[in-house]
Amino acid sequence: KIKSLQLSKLKHWLVTLKDDRVILKKYQEYYLLPHYEICIDDSLGFNIAVFNWQLPSDHPLYTRHRRSIRHISVSSLIEELECLSLCNGLPSHINTKDTLNHVIPKSFDHLTDDTSLPYNSTEYVRSVKCEVLSQSPTCNTCNCAEQYAMKVSNNNSRKMNTPAKPNALVSKTSSARLKLTLQGQRMKCQQLEDELRKMRNDLAANSVLIDKEISDDFVSVLDQ
């Protein structure tokens, strides 16, 4: 079945024919990994990788053609593949348990590249379910992952600006929130001290002196 595929007319693609599969690779200048790699097994099922990143199993290129060359020719598959854009991924500062760094090594030119670096590469931050090939600059999965990361970051920022509860565990509470709590408690203590000082001043200003005999009479009444 593999030998029946029309592969001789493919331009700019390296074709490797094995007993149980055929591997098609297309390289891009400067990059050491193939830009596209299509592996077709002996049952005519196919698998696609882009700079060694595997397309997810629910990618439209798979679902639309039942992931089989029986439902699309190799040339048509390549045409659809090359019409899609490489996903830009997420901003580089986003790093969560649901993201991965996609590092693509490049050839090193000692005349033009920065020789202070030990290697040359292009790097993307992607959702673990990144579609890698999309009709838009960023795939829907990475877009959703970025929005979620921003939401979490905003919630954390608001939380960091909120004082911790007085009975919060010190070991599990950020120093910034503990500092806010301490500042709040100091303000409350200062307010109480100011109120107490005012009460003392009011009492001193409005108090009436009484002689000892009347004072003793009040004390005896209160003791009854």
N, C-alpha and C. Protein backbone atom coordinates (compact mmCIF):
# COMPACT_ATOMS: atom_id res chain seq x y z
N LYS A 1 0.82 -1.20 0.00
CA LYS A 1 0.00 0.00 0.00
C LYS A 1 0.86 1.26 0.00
N ILE A 2 1.94 1.23 0.78
CA ILE A 2 2.79 2.40 0.86
C ILE A 2 3.46 2.65 -0.49
N LYS A 3 3.88 1.59 -1.16
CA LYS A 3 4.59 1.73 -2.42
C LYS A 3 3.69 2.28 -3.52
N SER A 4 2.38 2.17 -3.32
CA SER A 4 1.44 2.65 -4.33
C SER A 4 1.24 4.16 -4.26
N LEU A 5 1.74 4.80 -3.21
CA LEU A 5 1.57 6.24 -3.06
C LEU A 5 2.41 6.98 -4.10
N GLN A 6 1.84 8.05 -4.63
CA GLN A 6 2.53 8.87 -5.62
C GLN A 6 3.39 9.92 -4.90
N LEU A 7 4.65 9.58 -4.71
CA LEU A 7 5.53 10.46 -3.94
C LEU A 7 6.64 11.08 -4.78
N SER A 8 6.82 10.60 -5.99
CA SER A 8 7.94 11.05 -6.80
C SER A 8 7.82 12.51 -7.22
N LYS A 9 6.61 13.05 -7.22
CA LYS A 9 6.40 14.42 -7.69
C LYS A 9 6.52 15.46 -6.56
N LEU A 10 6.78 15.01 -5.35
CA LEU A 10 6.87 15.94 -4.23
C LEU A 10 8.18 16.72 -4.31
N LYS A 11 8.09 18.06 -4.35
CA LYS A 11 9.27 18.90 -4.41
C LYS A 11 9.64 19.42 -3.03
N HIS A 12 10.92 19.49 -2.77
CA HIS A 12 11.46 20.03 -1.52
C HIS A 12 11.14 19.14 -0.31
N TRP A 13 10.73 17.93 -0.55
CA TRP A 13 10.45 16.99 0.54
C TRP A 13 11.43 15.82 0.46
N LEU A 14 11.96 15.44 1.62
CA LEU A 14 12.82 14.26 1.70
C LEU A 14 11.94 13.06 2.00
N VAL A 15 12.07 12.03 1.20
CA VAL A 15 11.23 10.84 1.35
C VAL A 15 12.10 9.67 1.81
N THR A 16 11.72 9.07 2.93
CA THR A 16 12.41 7.88 3.44
C THR A 16 11.42 6.72 3.46
N LEU A 17 11.71 5.71 2.70
CA LEU A 17 10.81 4.56 2.59
C LEU A 17 11.35 3.41 3.42
N LYS A 18 10.53 2.93 4.36
CA LYS A 18 10.88 1.79 5.19
C LYS A 18 9.87 0.68 4.97
N ASP A 19 10.12 -0.47 5.64
CA ASP A 19 9.26 -1.63 5.41
C ASP A 19 7.81 -1.37 5.82
N ASP A 20 7.63 -0.66 6.94
CA ASP A 20 6.28 -0.49 7.47
C ASP A 20 5.79 0.95 7.46
N ARG A 21 6.58 1.85 6.87
CA ARG A 21 6.17 3.26 6.86
C ARG A 21 6.95 4.04 5.82
N VAL A 22 6.43 5.21 5.52
CA VAL A 22 7.16 6.16 4.70
C VAL A 22 7.18 7.49 5.46
N ILE A 23 8.33 8.14 5.48
CA ILE A 23 8.48 9.37 6.26
C ILE A 23 8.82 10.50 5.30
N LEU A 24 8.02 11.55 5.34
CA LEU A 24 8.21 12.72 4.51
C LEU A 24 8.67 13.87 5.40
N LYS A 25 9.77 14.53 5.01
CA LYS A 25 10.29 15.64 5.80
C LYS A 25 10.57 16.83 4.91
N LYS A 26 10.23 18.00 5.44
CA LYS A 26 10.55 19.24 4.75
C LYS A 26 11.25 20.18 5.72
N TYR A 27 12.42 20.65 5.34
CA TYR A 27 13.21 21.49 6.24
C TYR A 27 13.08 22.97 5.86
N GLN A 28 13.30 23.81 6.85
CA GLN A 28 13.33 25.25 6.66
C GLN A 28 14.74 25.72 6.93
N GLU A 29 15.20 26.69 6.18
CA GLU A 29 16.58 27.17 6.30
C GLU A 29 16.92 27.56 7.74
N TYR A 30 18.07 27.17 8.19
CA TYR A 30 18.64 27.45 9.51
C TYR A 30 18.15 26.49 10.61
N TYR A 31 17.01 25.88 10.43
CA TYR A 31 16.46 25.01 11.48
C TYR A 31 16.98 23.58 11.32
N LEU A 32 17.35 22.98 12.46
CA LEU A 32 17.92 21.63 12.42
C LEU A 32 16.85 20.55 12.44
N LEU A 33 15.67 20.87 12.97
CA LEU A 33 14.56 19.92 12.96
C LEU A 33 13.70 20.16 11.73
N PRO A 34 13.08 19.11 11.19
CA PRO A 34 12.21 19.33 10.03
C PRO A 34 11.02 20.22 10.38
N HIS A 35 10.73 21.15 9.49
CA HIS A 35 9.57 22.01 9.70
C HIS A 35 8.31 21.15 9.74
N TYR A 36 8.18 20.29 8.75
CA TYR A 36 7.05 19.35 8.71
C TYR A 36 7.59 17.93 8.62
N GLU A 37 6.92 17.03 9.31
CA GLU A 37 7.25 15.61 9.19
C GLU A 37 5.94 14.83 9.16
N ILE A 38 5.75 14.08 8.09
CA ILE A 38 4.55 13.26 7.93
C ILE A 38 4.98 11.80 7.88
N CYS A 39 4.44 11.02 8.77
CA CYS A 39 4.73 9.58 8.81
C CYS A 39 3.47 8.82 8.40
N ILE A 40 3.58 8.03 7.35
CA ILE A 40 2.44 7.25 6.85
C ILE A 40 2.75 5.77 7.06
N ASP A 41 1.90 5.10 7.84
CA ASP A 41 2.18 3.68 8.13
C ASP A 41 1.58 2.79 7.04
N ASP A 42 1.80 1.48 7.19
CA ASP A 42 1.38 0.56 6.12
C ASP A 42 -0.13 0.40 6.00
N SER A 43 -0.89 0.92 6.99
CA SER A 43 -2.35 0.90 6.88
C SER A 43 -2.87 2.22 6.30
N LEU A 44 -1.92 3.11 5.93
CA LEU A 44 -2.20 4.42 5.34
C LEU A 44 -2.70 5.43 6.36
N GLY A 45 -2.57 5.14 7.64
CA GLY A 45 -2.80 6.15 8.65
C GLY A 45 -1.60 7.09 8.69
N PHE A 46 -1.81 8.33 9.06
CA PHE A 46 -0.70 9.28 9.05
C PHE A 46 -0.60 10.05 10.36
N ASN A 47 0.63 10.49 10.62
CA ASN A 47 0.92 11.28 11.80
C ASN A 47 1.75 12.48 11.36
N ILE A 48 1.46 13.65 11.97
CA ILE A 48 2.13 14.89 11.56
C ILE A 48 2.83 15.51 12.77
N ALA A 49 4.04 15.97 12.54
CA ALA A 49 4.78 16.73 13.55
C ALA A 49 5.29 18.01 12.91
N VAL A 50 5.30 19.08 13.69
CA VAL A 50 5.79 20.37 13.22
C VAL A 50 6.94 20.78 14.15
N PHE A 51 8.13 20.84 13.62
CA PHE A 51 9.32 21.08 14.44
C PHE A 51 9.32 20.13 15.64
N ASN A 52 8.98 18.89 15.37
CA ASN A 52 8.98 17.79 16.35
C ASN A 52 7.85 17.87 17.37
N TRP A 53 6.93 18.85 17.23
CA TRP A 53 5.75 18.93 18.11
C TRP A 53 4.63 18.17 17.43
N GLN A 54 4.11 17.15 18.10
CA GLN A 54 3.07 16.31 17.52
C GLN A 54 1.72 17.01 17.52
N LEU A 55 1.02 16.95 16.40
CA LEU A 55 -0.34 17.50 16.37
C LEU A 55 -1.22 16.72 17.32
N PRO A 56 -2.12 17.41 18.06
CA PRO A 56 -3.04 16.68 18.96
C PRO A 56 -3.99 15.81 18.15
N SER A 57 -4.49 14.76 18.78
CA SER A 57 -5.32 13.77 18.07
C SER A 57 -6.63 14.35 17.55
N ASP A 58 -7.08 15.47 18.12
CA ASP A 58 -8.33 16.07 17.66
C ASP A 58 -8.10 17.24 16.69
N HIS A 59 -6.90 17.34 16.14
CA HIS A 59 -6.61 18.42 15.20
C HIS A 59 -7.46 18.26 13.93
N PRO A 60 -7.95 19.35 13.36
CA PRO A 60 -8.79 19.26 12.16
C PRO A 60 -8.17 18.49 11.00
N LEU A 61 -6.84 18.55 10.87
CA LEU A 61 -6.20 17.78 9.80
C LEU A 61 -6.40 16.28 9.97
N TYR A 62 -6.57 15.85 11.21
CA TYR A 62 -6.84 14.44 11.48
C TYR A 62 -8.33 14.13 11.36
N THR A 63 -9.14 14.90 12.06
CA THR A 63 -10.58 14.59 12.12
C THR A 63 -11.25 14.76 10.77
N ARG A 64 -10.79 15.75 10.00
CA ARG A 64 -11.44 16.03 8.72
C ARG A 64 -11.21 14.89 7.72
N HIS A 65 -10.09 14.18 7.85
CA HIS A 65 -9.75 13.13 6.88
C HIS A 65 -9.62 11.76 7.54
N ARG A 66 -10.19 11.65 8.73
CA ARG A 66 -10.16 10.38 9.47
C ARG A 66 -8.72 9.86 9.64
N ARG A 67 -7.79 10.76 9.60
CA ARG A 67 -6.38 10.47 9.82
C ARG A 67 -5.88 9.31 8.94
N SER A 68 -6.34 9.35 7.69
CA SER A 68 -5.95 8.28 6.77
C SER A 68 -5.78 8.83 5.36
N ILE A 69 -4.75 8.36 4.68
CA ILE A 69 -4.50 8.74 3.30
C ILE A 69 -5.55 8.13 2.37
N ARG A 70 -6.38 7.24 2.88
CA ARG A 70 -7.49 6.70 2.10
C ARG A 70 -8.50 7.79 1.76
N HIS A 71 -8.53 8.86 2.57
CA HIS A 71 -9.56 9.89 2.42
C HIS A 71 -9.00 11.21 1.88
N ILE A 72 -7.72 11.25 1.60
CA ILE A 72 -7.10 12.44 1.03
C ILE A 72 -5.77 12.04 0.41
N SER A 73 -5.42 12.66 -0.68
CA SER A 73 -4.14 12.35 -1.30
C SER A 73 -3.00 13.02 -0.53
N VAL A 74 -1.81 12.50 -0.72
CA VAL A 74 -0.65 13.07 -0.03
C VAL A 74 -0.44 14.52 -0.45
N SER A 75 -0.56 14.80 -1.74
CA SER A 75 -0.35 16.16 -2.23
C SER A 75 -1.40 17.12 -1.66
N SER A 76 -2.64 16.68 -1.54
CA SER A 76 -3.69 17.54 -0.97
C SER A 76 -3.45 17.77 0.51
N LEU A 77 -2.99 16.73 1.20
CA LEU A 77 -2.70 16.87 2.63
C LEU A 77 -1.58 17.89 2.83
N ILE A 78 -0.55 17.81 2.00
CA ILE A 78 0.55 18.76 2.10
C ILE A 78 0.08 20.18 1.80
N GLU A 79 -0.79 20.31 0.84
CA GLU A 79 -1.32 21.63 0.50
C GLU A 79 -2.09 22.24 1.68
N GLU A 80 -2.93 21.44 2.31
CA GLU A 80 -3.67 21.92 3.49
C GLU A 80 -2.72 22.25 4.64
N LEU A 81 -1.72 21.41 4.79
CA LEU A 81 -0.75 21.59 5.87
C LEU A 81 -0.02 22.93 5.72
N GLU A 82 0.43 23.23 4.53
CA GLU A 82 1.23 24.42 4.31
C GLU A 82 0.40 25.70 4.26
N CYS A 83 -0.92 25.57 4.22
CA CYS A 83 -1.79 26.75 4.27
C CYS A 83 -2.02 27.24 5.70
N LEU A 84 -1.68 26.40 6.66
CA LEU A 84 -1.88 26.77 8.07
C LEU A 84 -0.67 27.53 8.61
N SER A 85 -0.89 28.30 9.68
CA SER A 85 0.17 29.10 10.29
C SER A 85 0.71 28.41 11.54
N LEU A 86 1.98 28.62 11.80
CA LEU A 86 2.58 28.12 13.03
C LEU A 86 2.07 28.95 14.20
N CYS A 87 1.53 28.29 15.21
CA CYS A 87 0.98 28.98 16.38
C CYS A 87 2.10 29.72 17.11
N ASN A 88 1.82 30.98 17.47
CA ASN A 88 2.81 31.79 18.20
C ASN A 88 2.92 31.40 19.67
N GLY A 89 1.99 30.60 20.17
CA GLY A 89 2.03 30.19 21.56
C GLY A 89 1.62 31.30 22.51
N LEU A 90 2.08 31.21 23.77
CA LEU A 90 1.73 32.17 24.81
C LEU A 90 2.89 33.13 25.05
N PRO A 91 2.63 34.27 25.72
CA PRO A 91 3.73 35.17 26.10
C PRO A 91 4.77 34.42 26.93
N SER A 92 6.03 34.79 26.76
CA SER A 92 7.13 34.04 27.37
C SER A 92 7.10 34.06 28.90
N HIS A 93 6.43 35.05 29.51
CA HIS A 93 6.42 35.12 30.98
C HIS A 93 5.43 34.16 31.61
N ILE A 94 4.57 33.55 30.80
CA ILE A 94 3.58 32.61 31.33
C ILE A 94 4.22 31.23 31.44
N ASN A 95 4.21 30.69 32.63
CA ASN A 95 4.81 29.37 32.87
C ASN A 95 3.98 28.66 33.92
N THR A 96 3.15 27.71 33.51
CA THR A 96 2.28 26.98 34.42
C THR A 96 2.45 25.49 34.19
N LYS A 97 1.75 24.71 35.00
CA LYS A 97 1.81 23.26 34.85
C LYS A 97 1.17 22.79 33.55
N ASP A 98 0.42 23.68 32.90
CA ASP A 98 -0.27 23.32 31.65
C ASP A 98 0.44 23.87 30.42
N THR A 99 1.68 24.34 30.58
CA THR A 99 2.44 24.84 29.45
C THR A 99 3.76 24.10 29.31
N LEU A 100 4.29 24.13 28.11
CA LEU A 100 5.59 23.52 27.83
C LEU A 100 6.40 24.47 26.95
N ASN A 101 7.71 24.41 27.10
CA ASN A 101 8.59 25.19 26.22
C ASN A 101 8.91 24.35 24.98
N HIS A 102 8.65 24.94 23.84
CA HIS A 102 8.94 24.28 22.56
C HIS A 102 10.21 24.91 22.00
N VAL A 103 11.32 24.21 22.14
CA VAL A 103 12.63 24.73 21.73
C VAL A 103 13.01 24.11 20.39
N ILE A 104 13.29 24.97 19.42
CA ILE A 104 13.66 24.52 18.08
C ILE A 104 15.11 24.90 17.81
N PRO A 105 16.02 23.96 17.80
CA PRO A 105 17.43 24.29 17.58
C PRO A 105 17.68 24.79 16.16
N LYS A 106 18.61 25.72 16.05
CA LYS A 106 18.97 26.30 14.76
C LYS A 106 20.48 26.14 14.54
N SER A 107 20.86 26.18 13.29
CA SER A 107 22.29 26.12 12.98
C SER A 107 22.97 27.40 13.47
N PHE A 108 24.24 27.29 13.77
CA PHE A 108 24.97 28.40 14.35
C PHE A 108 25.92 28.99 13.30
N ASP A 109 25.73 30.29 13.05
CA ASP A 109 26.61 30.99 12.12
C ASP A 109 27.57 31.87 12.95
N HIS A 110 28.83 31.50 12.97
CA HIS A 110 29.80 32.21 13.82
C HIS A 110 30.08 33.63 13.33
N LEU A 111 29.67 33.95 12.13
CA LEU A 111 29.91 35.29 11.60
C LEU A 111 28.78 36.25 11.92
N THR A 112 27.57 35.73 12.08
CA THR A 112 26.41 36.62 12.27
C THR A 112 25.69 36.42 13.59
N ASP A 113 25.77 35.23 14.18
CA ASP A 113 25.03 34.96 15.41
C ASP A 113 25.79 35.46 16.64
N ASP A 114 25.07 35.60 17.73
CA ASP A 114 25.64 36.05 18.99
C ASP A 114 26.51 34.93 19.57
N THR A 115 27.81 35.13 19.53
CA THR A 115 28.73 34.08 19.98
C THR A 115 28.82 33.97 21.50
N SER A 116 28.15 34.90 22.21
CA SER A 116 28.15 34.79 23.68
C SER A 116 27.20 33.68 24.14
N LEU A 117 26.34 33.22 23.26
CA LEU A 117 25.40 32.14 23.60
C LEU A 117 25.99 30.80 23.16
N PRO A 118 25.78 29.75 23.97
CA PRO A 118 26.36 28.45 23.63
C PRO A 118 25.62 27.71 22.52
N TYR A 119 24.40 28.16 22.22
CA TYR A 119 23.64 27.51 21.15
C TYR A 119 22.65 28.51 20.56
N ASN A 120 22.05 28.15 19.45
CA ASN A 120 21.11 29.02 18.76
C ASN A 120 19.78 28.30 18.62
N SER A 121 18.69 28.97 18.98
CA SER A 121 17.38 28.31 18.91
C SER A 121 16.27 29.35 18.88
N THR A 122 15.10 28.88 18.51
CA THR A 122 13.86 29.65 18.63
C THR A 122 12.99 28.93 19.65
N GLU A 123 12.38 29.68 20.55
CA GLU A 123 11.63 29.04 21.64
C GLU A 123 10.23 29.61 21.74
N TYR A 124 9.27 28.73 21.96
CA TYR A 124 7.87 29.11 22.15
C TYR A 124 7.38 28.52 23.48
N VAL A 125 6.44 29.21 24.09
CA VAL A 125 5.72 28.66 25.24
C VAL A 125 4.35 28.23 24.73
N ARG A 126 4.02 26.97 24.89
CA ARG A 126 2.77 26.45 24.34
C ARG A 126 1.92 25.77 25.43
N SER A 127 0.64 25.79 25.21
CA SER A 127 -0.24 24.93 25.99
C SER A 127 0.13 23.48 25.68
N VAL A 128 0.00 22.59 26.65
CA VAL A 128 0.35 21.19 26.40
C VAL A 128 -0.53 20.59 25.30
N LYS A 129 -1.68 21.23 25.04
CA LYS A 129 -2.58 20.77 23.99
C LYS A 129 -2.56 21.69 22.77
N CYS A 130 -1.47 22.43 22.61
CA CYS A 130 -1.36 23.37 21.49
C CYS A 130 -1.60 22.67 20.16
N GLU A 131 -2.37 23.32 19.29
CA GLU A 131 -2.66 22.75 17.97
C GLU A 131 -1.48 22.92 17.03
N VAL A 132 -0.54 23.79 17.38
CA VAL A 132 0.70 24.10 16.66
C VAL A 132 0.48 24.61 15.23
N LEU A 133 -0.52 24.10 14.53
CA LEU A 133 -0.89 24.64 13.22
C LEU A 133 -2.31 25.14 13.31
N SER A 134 -2.49 26.39 12.87
CA SER A 134 -3.80 27.01 13.03
C SER A 134 -4.06 27.98 11.88
N GLN A 135 -5.33 28.34 11.70
CA GLN A 135 -5.68 29.32 10.68
C GLN A 135 -5.43 30.75 11.16
N SER A 136 -5.23 30.91 12.45
CA SER A 136 -4.94 32.22 13.03
C SER A 136 -3.52 32.20 13.62
N PRO A 137 -2.96 33.39 13.93
CA PRO A 137 -1.59 33.42 14.48
C PRO A 137 -1.41 32.63 15.76
N THR A 138 -2.47 32.55 16.58
CA THR A 138 -2.42 31.78 17.82
C THR A 138 -3.60 30.83 17.85
N CYS A 139 -3.36 29.57 18.15
CA CYS A 139 -4.44 28.58 18.14
C CYS A 139 -5.41 28.83 19.29
N ASN A 140 -6.59 28.28 19.17
CA ASN A 140 -7.63 28.50 20.17
C ASN A 140 -7.21 27.97 21.55
N THR A 141 -6.50 26.86 21.59
CA THR A 141 -6.08 26.28 22.86
C THR A 141 -5.12 27.21 23.60
N CYS A 142 -4.16 27.78 22.89
CA CYS A 142 -3.21 28.70 23.53
C CYS A 142 -3.89 30.01 23.91
N ASN A 143 -4.84 30.45 23.10
CA ASN A 143 -5.60 31.65 23.45
C ASN A 143 -6.34 31.45 24.77
N CYS A 144 -7.00 30.32 24.91
CA CYS A 144 -7.74 30.02 26.14
C CYS A 144 -6.79 29.90 27.33
N ALA A 145 -5.65 29.26 27.10
CA ALA A 145 -4.67 29.09 28.17
C ALA A 145 -4.12 30.45 28.62
N GLU A 146 -3.91 31.36 27.68
CA GLU A 146 -3.41 32.70 28.03
C GLU A 146 -4.45 33.48 28.83
N GLN A 147 -5.72 33.41 28.41
CA GLN A 147 -6.78 34.12 29.13
C GLN A 147 -6.92 33.58 30.54
N TYR A 148 -6.83 32.25 30.69
CA TYR A 148 -6.94 31.65 32.03
C TYR A 148 -5.76 32.08 32.91
N ALA A 149 -4.55 32.08 32.32
CA ALA A 149 -3.35 32.48 33.09
C ALA A 149 -3.46 33.93 33.53
N MET A 150 -3.99 34.80 32.67
CA MET A 150 -4.16 36.20 33.03
C MET A 150 -5.19 36.36 34.15
N LYS A 151 -6.25 35.57 34.08
CA LYS A 151 -7.28 35.62 35.12
C LYS A 151 -6.71 35.20 36.47
N VAL A 152 -5.94 34.11 36.47
CA VAL A 152 -5.31 33.64 37.70
C VAL A 152 -4.34 34.68 38.24
N SER A 153 -3.57 35.30 37.33
CA SER A 153 -2.60 36.32 37.75
C SER A 153 -3.30 37.52 38.36
N ASN A 154 -4.41 37.95 37.76
CA ASN A 154 -5.17 39.09 38.31
C ASN A 154 -5.75 38.76 39.68
N ASN A 155 -6.26 37.53 39.82
CA ASN A 155 -6.82 37.11 41.11
C ASN A 155 -5.73 37.08 42.18
N ASN A 156 -4.55 36.59 41.79
CA ASN A 156 -3.44 36.54 42.74
C ASN A 156 -2.98 37.95 43.14
N SER A 157 -3.01 38.86 42.16
CA SER A 157 -2.60 40.24 42.45
C SER A 157 -3.56 40.89 43.44
N ARG A 158 -4.87 40.66 43.21
CA ARG A 158 -5.86 41.20 44.14
C ARG A 158 -5.69 40.59 45.53
N LYS A 159 -5.41 39.29 45.54
CA LYS A 159 -5.24 38.60 46.82
C LYS A 159 -4.01 39.11 47.56
N MET A 160 -2.95 39.42 46.80
CA MET A 160 -1.73 39.92 47.42
C MET A 160 -1.93 41.29 48.05
N ASN A 161 -2.92 42.02 47.56
CA ASN A 161 -3.21 43.34 48.11
C ASN A 161 -4.27 43.29 49.21
N THR A 162 -4.65 42.09 49.60
CA THR A 162 -5.63 41.91 50.67
C THR A 162 -4.93 41.41 51.93
N PRO A 163 -5.13 42.07 53.07
CA PRO A 163 -4.48 41.61 54.30
C PRO A 163 -4.91 40.19 54.68
N ALA A 164 -4.01 39.45 55.26
CA ALA A 164 -4.33 38.10 55.73
C ALA A 164 -5.20 38.19 56.98
N LYS A 165 -5.95 37.14 57.21
CA LYS A 165 -6.77 37.09 58.42
C LYS A 165 -5.85 36.97 59.64
N PRO A 166 -6.28 37.51 60.77
CA PRO A 166 -5.41 37.48 61.97
C PRO A 166 -4.98 36.07 62.38
N ASN A 167 -5.83 35.07 62.09
CA ASN A 167 -5.49 33.70 62.51
C ASN A 167 -4.88 32.88 61.36
N ALA A 168 -4.43 33.54 60.29
CA ALA A 168 -3.85 32.82 59.16
C ALA A 168 -2.51 32.20 59.55
N LEU A 169 -2.22 31.04 58.97
CA LEU A 169 -0.95 30.37 59.24
C LEU A 169 0.20 31.15 58.61
N VAL A 170 1.19 31.49 59.40
CA VAL A 170 2.31 32.29 58.92
C VAL A 170 3.08 31.53 57.83
N SER A 171 3.24 30.23 57.99
CA SER A 171 4.03 29.44 57.05
C SER A 171 3.38 29.34 55.67
N LYS A 172 2.07 29.56 55.60
CA LYS A 172 1.35 29.43 54.33
C LYS A 172 0.84 30.76 53.80
N THR A 173 1.30 31.84 54.39
CA THR A 173 0.84 33.17 53.98
C THR A 173 2.03 33.99 53.52
N SER A 174 1.85 34.72 52.42
CA SER A 174 2.94 35.53 51.88
C SER A 174 3.32 36.64 52.83
N SER A 175 4.59 37.04 52.78
CA SER A 175 5.08 38.10 53.66
C SER A 175 4.39 39.43 53.36
N ALA A 176 4.01 39.63 52.09
CA ALA A 176 3.34 40.89 51.73
C ALA A 176 1.98 41.00 52.42
N ARG A 177 1.22 39.89 52.44
CA ARG A 177 -0.09 39.92 53.09
C ARG A 177 0.05 40.04 54.60
N LEU A 178 1.06 39.40 55.19
CA LEU A 178 1.31 39.52 56.62
C LEU A 178 1.67 40.96 56.99
N LYS A 179 2.44 41.60 56.11
CA LYS A 179 2.81 42.99 56.35
C LYS A 179 1.59 43.89 56.34
N LEU A 180 0.67 43.64 55.37
CA LEU A 180 -0.56 44.42 55.31
C LEU A 180 -1.40 44.22 56.58
N THR A 181 -1.46 42.97 57.05
CA THR A 181 -2.22 42.69 58.27
C THR A 181 -1.61 43.42 59.46
N LEU A 182 -0.28 43.37 59.59
CA LEU A 182 0.40 44.04 60.69
C LEU A 182 0.17 45.55 60.65
N GLN A 183 0.22 46.11 59.45
CA GLN A 183 -0.03 47.55 59.31
C GLN A 183 -1.46 47.91 59.73
N GLY A 184 -2.40 47.04 59.33
CA GLY A 184 -3.80 47.27 59.71
C GLY A 184 -4.01 47.20 61.20
N GLN A 185 -3.37 46.22 61.84
CA GLN A 185 -3.51 46.08 63.29
C GLN A 185 -2.88 47.27 64.02
N ARG A 186 -1.75 47.75 63.50
CA ARG A 186 -1.12 48.92 64.11
C ARG A 186 -2.01 50.16 64.01
N MET A 187 -2.67 50.29 62.86
CA MET A 187 -3.58 51.43 62.68
C MET A 187 -4.74 51.36 63.66
N LYS A 188 -5.27 50.14 63.85
CA LYS A 188 -6.37 49.97 64.79
C LYS A 188 -5.92 50.31 66.22
N CYS A 189 -4.73 49.83 66.59
CA CYS A 189 -4.21 50.13 67.93
C CYS A 189 -4.02 51.63 68.12
N GLN A 190 -3.52 52.29 67.06
CA GLN A 190 -3.32 53.73 67.15
C GLN A 190 -4.66 54.46 67.32
N GLN A 191 -5.68 53.97 66.59
CA GLN A 191 -7.01 54.58 66.71
C GLN A 191 -7.58 54.40 68.11
N LEU A 192 -7.39 53.20 68.69
CA LEU A 192 -7.86 52.94 70.05
C LEU A 192 -7.12 53.81 71.06
N GLU A 193 -5.82 53.95 70.87
CA GLU A 193 -5.05 54.81 71.77
C GLU A 193 -5.52 56.26 71.68
N ASP A 194 -5.80 56.72 70.46
CA ASP A 194 -6.28 58.09 70.29
C ASP A 194 -7.64 58.29 70.95
N GLU A 195 -8.53 57.29 70.80
CA GLU A 195 -9.86 57.38 71.43
C GLU A 195 -9.75 57.37 72.95
N LEU A 196 -8.87 56.52 73.48
CA LEU A 196 -8.66 56.44 74.93
C LEU A 196 -8.09 57.76 75.48
N ARG A 197 -7.14 58.33 74.74
CA ARG A 197 -6.55 59.61 75.16
C ARG A 197 -7.62 60.71 75.17
N LYS A 198 -8.49 60.68 74.16
CA LYS A 198 -9.55 61.70 74.09
C LYS A 198 -10.53 61.55 75.26
N MET A 199 -10.87 60.29 75.59
CA MET A 199 -11.76 60.04 76.71
C MET A 199 -11.15 60.54 78.02
N ARG A 200 -9.86 60.30 78.21
CA ARG A 200 -9.18 60.76 79.41
C ARG A 200 -9.18 62.28 79.50
N ASN A 201 -8.93 62.91 78.36
CA ASN A 201 -8.94 64.37 78.34
C ASN A 201 -10.33 64.93 78.63
N ASP A 202 -11.37 64.28 78.08
CA ASP A 202 -12.75 64.72 78.33
C ASP A 202 -13.10 64.56 79.80
N LEU A 203 -12.70 63.45 80.39
CA LEU A 203 -12.99 63.21 81.81
C LEU A 203 -12.28 64.25 82.69
N ALA A 204 -11.02 64.53 82.32
CA ALA A 204 -10.27 65.51 83.11
C ALA A 204 -10.88 66.90 82.99
N ALA A 205 -11.39 67.20 81.80
CA ALA A 205 -11.94 68.54 81.59
C ALA A 205 -13.32 68.71 82.23
N ASN A 206 -14.10 67.64 82.33
CA ASN A 206 -15.48 67.74 82.80
C ASN A 206 -15.70 67.14 84.19
N SER A 207 -14.65 66.71 84.85
CA SER A 207 -14.81 66.07 86.17
C SER A 207 -15.10 67.13 87.25
N VAL A 208 -15.78 66.70 88.30
CA VAL A 208 -16.14 67.57 89.43
C VAL A 208 -15.50 67.02 90.69
N LEU A 209 -14.80 67.88 91.43
CA LEU A 209 -14.15 67.44 92.66
C LEU A 209 -15.18 67.33 93.78
N ILE A 210 -15.11 66.25 94.54
CA ILE A 210 -16.00 66.06 95.70
C ILE A 210 -15.13 65.76 96.91
N ASP A 211 -15.69 66.11 98.10
CA ASP A 211 -14.86 65.87 99.29
C ASP A 211 -14.86 64.40 99.65
N LYS A 212 -14.03 64.03 100.61
CA LYS A 212 -13.82 62.62 100.95
C LYS A 212 -15.08 61.99 101.53
N GLU A 213 -15.85 62.74 102.29
CA GLU A 213 -17.03 62.16 102.93
C GLU A 213 -18.06 61.74 101.89
N ILE A 214 -18.29 62.59 100.90
CA ILE A 214 -19.26 62.23 99.84
C ILE A 214 -18.72 61.07 99.02
N SER A 215 -17.40 61.09 98.81
CA SER A 215 -16.80 59.98 98.04
C SER A 215 -17.00 58.66 98.76
N ASP A 216 -16.81 58.68 100.11
CA ASP A 216 -16.99 57.45 100.86
C ASP A 216 -18.44 56.98 100.81
N ASP A 217 -19.39 57.95 100.79
CA ASP A 217 -20.81 57.58 100.70
C ASP A 217 -21.09 56.89 99.35
N PHE A 218 -20.50 57.37 98.27
CA PHE A 218 -20.72 56.72 96.96
C PHE A 218 -20.16 55.32 96.94
N VAL A 219 -18.99 55.18 97.53
CA VAL A 219 -18.38 53.85 97.55
C VAL A 219 -19.21 52.88 98.36
N SER A 220 -19.74 53.33 99.47
CA SER A 220 -20.57 52.43 100.30
C SER A 220 -21.85 52.05 99.59
N VAL A 221 -22.41 52.98 98.83
CA VAL A 221 -23.64 52.68 98.06
C VAL A 221 -23.34 51.64 96.97
N LEU A 222 -22.23 51.84 96.29
CA LEU A 222 -21.88 50.90 95.21
C LEU A 222 -21.54 49.51 95.72
N ASP A 223 -21.04 49.46 96.97
CA ASP A 223 -20.68 48.15 97.51
C ASP A 223 -21.89 47.35 97.99
N GLN A 224 -23.03 48.01 98.13
CA GLN A 224 -24.22 47.29 98.64
C GLN A 224 -24.85 46.43 97.55
